[in-house]
Amino acid sequence: MQSALPIGAEELFSRRLIGSLGTENEDGSVHLTAIWYRFEGGLLYVATSSRSRKARNVAARSKASLMVDIRKAGSERGVVAICSADVITGESSKGINSRIHKRYMSEAALADPRAGGTMAAMDDITLRLTPIGWYAWDMRMLDEAVFGGTMKTPGYLLPLD
């Protein structure tokens, strides 16, 4: 059963950000990778190749975590979805993957066989992530609650590279 979405999570998921997907390798270590995603109907979707490690990991161990965050000094915030995961194939996968690609690529890139065509051919499956738990953080709220807003002071936080 899905738990309630944390405050601010829907806003983060609606933005075009890069997610960090964690899946479990055969030896128990975590495989982390940057991904494009789509949040739709309370589920998260990731387009990928059936040959990718993340796809093999999900097929063998049906769990994953996805983090989406903003890393701007003084306003860092994010959400992590802890998920059960499965693989979608066939026409259903093509439709979902097309929506993911349209979210991140321009019409010109999608029309270019070297870009959109290659992505469509390469991403032949979809990982469906069903959230079973969440956690979120917002450094703006922590600053107010713990530091009395001092982290907003110009020059206190150094810019990220």
Protein backbone atom coordinates (compact mmCIF):
# COMPACT_ATOMS: atom_id res chain seq x y z
CA MET A 1 0.00 0.00 0.00
CA GLN A 2 1.28 3.46 -0.88
CA SER A 3 1.92 5.96 1.87
CA ALA A 4 0.97 9.63 1.62
CA LEU A 5 3.08 11.88 -0.56
CA PRO A 6 5.17 14.29 1.57
CA ILE A 7 4.44 18.01 1.38
CA GLY A 8 6.30 19.55 -1.55
CA ALA A 9 6.98 16.22 -3.29
CA GLU A 10 4.45 16.71 -6.07
CA GLU A 11 5.97 20.12 -6.89
CA LEU A 12 9.45 18.57 -7.11
CA PHE A 13 8.25 15.66 -9.24
CA SER A 14 6.49 18.06 -11.62
CA ARG A 15 9.78 19.83 -12.36
CA ARG A 16 12.19 18.68 -15.04
CA LEU A 17 14.98 17.53 -12.74
CA ILE A 18 17.48 14.70 -12.84
CA GLY A 19 16.67 11.88 -10.44
CA SER A 20 19.05 9.51 -8.70
CA LEU A 21 17.90 5.89 -8.91
CA GLY A 22 19.22 3.27 -6.52
CA THR A 23 18.85 -0.46 -7.18
CA GLU A 24 20.47 -3.42 -5.46
CA ASN A 25 23.34 -5.28 -7.13
CA GLU A 26 23.75 -9.05 -6.81
CA ASP A 27 26.44 -8.61 -4.12
CA GLY A 28 24.16 -6.38 -2.01
CA SER A 29 25.87 -3.11 -2.95
CA VAL A 30 23.82 -0.22 -4.30
CA HIS A 31 23.90 0.78 -7.94
CA LEU A 32 23.20 4.53 -8.29
CA THR A 33 22.51 6.20 -11.58
CA ALA A 34 21.21 9.55 -12.82
CA ILE A 35 17.91 9.18 -14.66
CA TRP A 36 15.05 10.95 -16.38
CA TYR A 37 11.70 10.13 -14.82
CA ARG A 38 7.97 10.74 -14.99
CA PHE A 39 5.56 10.93 -12.06
CA GLU A 40 2.09 9.87 -13.17
CA GLY A 41 -0.87 8.54 -11.23
CA GLY A 42 1.15 8.23 -8.03
CA LEU A 43 3.76 6.04 -9.73
CA LEU A 44 7.26 6.83 -10.99
CA TYR A 45 8.51 5.66 -14.37
CA VAL A 46 12.05 5.38 -15.72
CA ALA A 47 12.84 4.66 -19.37
CA THR A 48 15.86 2.42 -19.85
CA SER A 49 17.52 -0.31 -21.85
CA SER A 50 16.77 -3.94 -21.00
CA ARG A 51 20.56 -4.38 -21.02
CA SER A 52 21.19 -1.80 -18.30
CA ARG A 53 22.32 -2.78 -14.83
CA LYS A 54 19.33 -1.02 -13.26
CA ALA A 55 16.96 -3.10 -15.40
CA ARG A 56 18.76 -6.35 -14.53
CA ASN A 57 18.75 -5.40 -10.86
CA VAL A 58 15.01 -4.66 -10.81
CA ALA A 59 14.25 -7.90 -12.66
CA ALA A 60 16.21 -9.86 -10.04
CA ARG A 61 15.28 -7.82 -6.94
CA SER A 62 12.06 -5.85 -7.23
CA LYS A 63 13.01 -2.83 -5.16
CA ALA A 64 14.43 0.60 -5.85
CA SER A 65 14.68 4.10 -4.42
CA LEU A 66 14.42 7.33 -6.37
CA MET A 67 15.66 10.69 -5.10
CA VAL A 68 14.76 14.00 -6.71
CA ASP A 69 16.31 17.11 -5.22
CA ILE A 70 17.27 20.73 -5.71
CA ARG A 71 20.84 21.62 -4.84
CA LYS A 72 20.92 25.38 -4.62
CA ALA A 73 22.77 26.70 -1.57
CA GLY A 74 20.27 27.80 1.05
CA SER A 75 17.26 26.20 -0.59
CA GLU A 76 18.22 22.55 -0.81
CA ARG A 77 15.22 20.27 -0.65
CA GLY A 78 14.29 16.88 -1.91
CA VAL A 79 12.21 13.75 -1.68
CA VAL A 80 13.05 10.05 -1.74
CA ALA A 81 10.57 7.39 -2.80
CA ILE A 82 11.22 3.89 -1.46
CA CYS A 83 9.61 1.58 -3.97
CA SER A 84 8.70 -1.84 -5.13
CA ALA A 85 9.70 -2.06 -8.77
CA ASP A 86 8.81 -4.02 -11.86
CA VAL A 87 9.52 -3.96 -15.59
CA ILE A 88 7.05 -2.92 -18.29
CA THR A 89 7.67 -4.10 -21.86
CA GLY A 90 6.02 -3.86 -25.27
CA GLU A 91 3.66 -1.14 -26.48
CA SER A 92 2.87 0.06 -22.96
CA SER A 93 6.56 0.71 -22.40
CA LYS A 94 6.92 2.57 -25.71
CA GLY A 95 4.10 4.94 -24.82
CA ILE A 96 5.44 5.70 -21.35
CA ASN A 97 9.00 6.10 -22.62
CA SER A 98 7.81 8.49 -25.31
CA ARG A 99 6.20 10.67 -22.62
CA ILE A 100 9.43 10.61 -20.61
CA HIS A 101 11.54 11.56 -23.64
CA LYS A 102 9.13 14.41 -24.52
CA ARG A 103 9.55 15.71 -20.98
CA TYR A 104 13.33 16.10 -21.41
CA MET A 105 13.97 16.55 -25.15
CA SER A 106 12.94 19.31 -27.55
CA GLU A 107 10.76 18.59 -30.59
CA ALA A 108 13.85 19.06 -32.78
CA ALA A 109 15.82 16.48 -30.79
CA LEU A 110 12.92 14.03 -30.84
CA ALA A 111 12.62 14.37 -34.62
CA ASP A 112 16.36 13.82 -35.16
CA PRO A 113 17.00 10.09 -35.69
CA ARG A 114 20.44 10.47 -34.11
CA ALA A 115 18.88 11.76 -30.87
CA GLY A 116 15.18 10.89 -30.52
CA GLY A 117 15.41 7.84 -32.74
CA THR A 118 18.40 6.47 -30.86
CA MET A 119 16.75 7.11 -27.48
CA ALA A 120 13.54 5.38 -28.61
CA ALA A 121 15.50 2.35 -29.83
CA MET A 122 17.81 2.20 -26.83
CA ASP A 123 15.12 2.61 -24.13
CA ASP A 124 13.18 -0.57 -24.86
CA ILE A 125 11.64 -1.09 -21.41
CA THR A 126 10.24 0.98 -18.53
CA LEU A 127 10.86 0.58 -14.83
CA ARG A 128 7.64 1.16 -12.88
CA LEU A 129 8.30 2.27 -9.31
CA THR A 130 5.45 1.95 -6.82
CA PRO A 131 6.20 4.05 -3.74
CA ILE A 132 5.72 2.22 -0.45
CA GLY A 133 7.42 4.85 1.69
CA TRP A 134 8.75 8.39 1.49
CA TYR A 135 11.01 10.83 3.20
CA ALA A 136 11.66 14.44 2.38
CA TRP A 137 13.79 17.34 3.59
CA ASP A 138 13.76 21.08 3.19
CA MET A 139 16.81 23.00 4.37
CA ARG A 140 14.82 26.25 4.26
CA MET A 141 12.58 24.95 7.05
CA LEU A 142 15.54 23.57 8.99
CA ASP A 143 17.27 26.95 8.74
CA GLU A 144 14.25 28.69 10.26
CA ALA A 145 13.66 26.07 12.96
CA VAL A 146 17.24 25.41 14.07
CA PHE A 147 19.42 28.29 12.88
CA GLY A 148 16.91 31.13 13.19
CA GLY A 149 17.27 31.98 9.51
CA THR A 150 20.99 32.74 9.76
CA MET A 151 21.85 30.56 6.77
CA LYS A 152 20.15 33.19 4.56
CA THR A 153 22.90 35.63 5.49
CA PRO A 154 24.81 36.51 2.27
CA GLY A 155 28.17 34.77 2.14
CA TYR A 156 27.42 32.16 4.85
CA LEU A 157 26.88 29.32 2.38
CA LEU A 158 29.37 28.87 -0.41
CA PRO A 159 28.02 28.22 -3.92
CA LEU A 160 28.08 24.62 -5.10
CA ASP A 161 30.32 23.78 -8.05
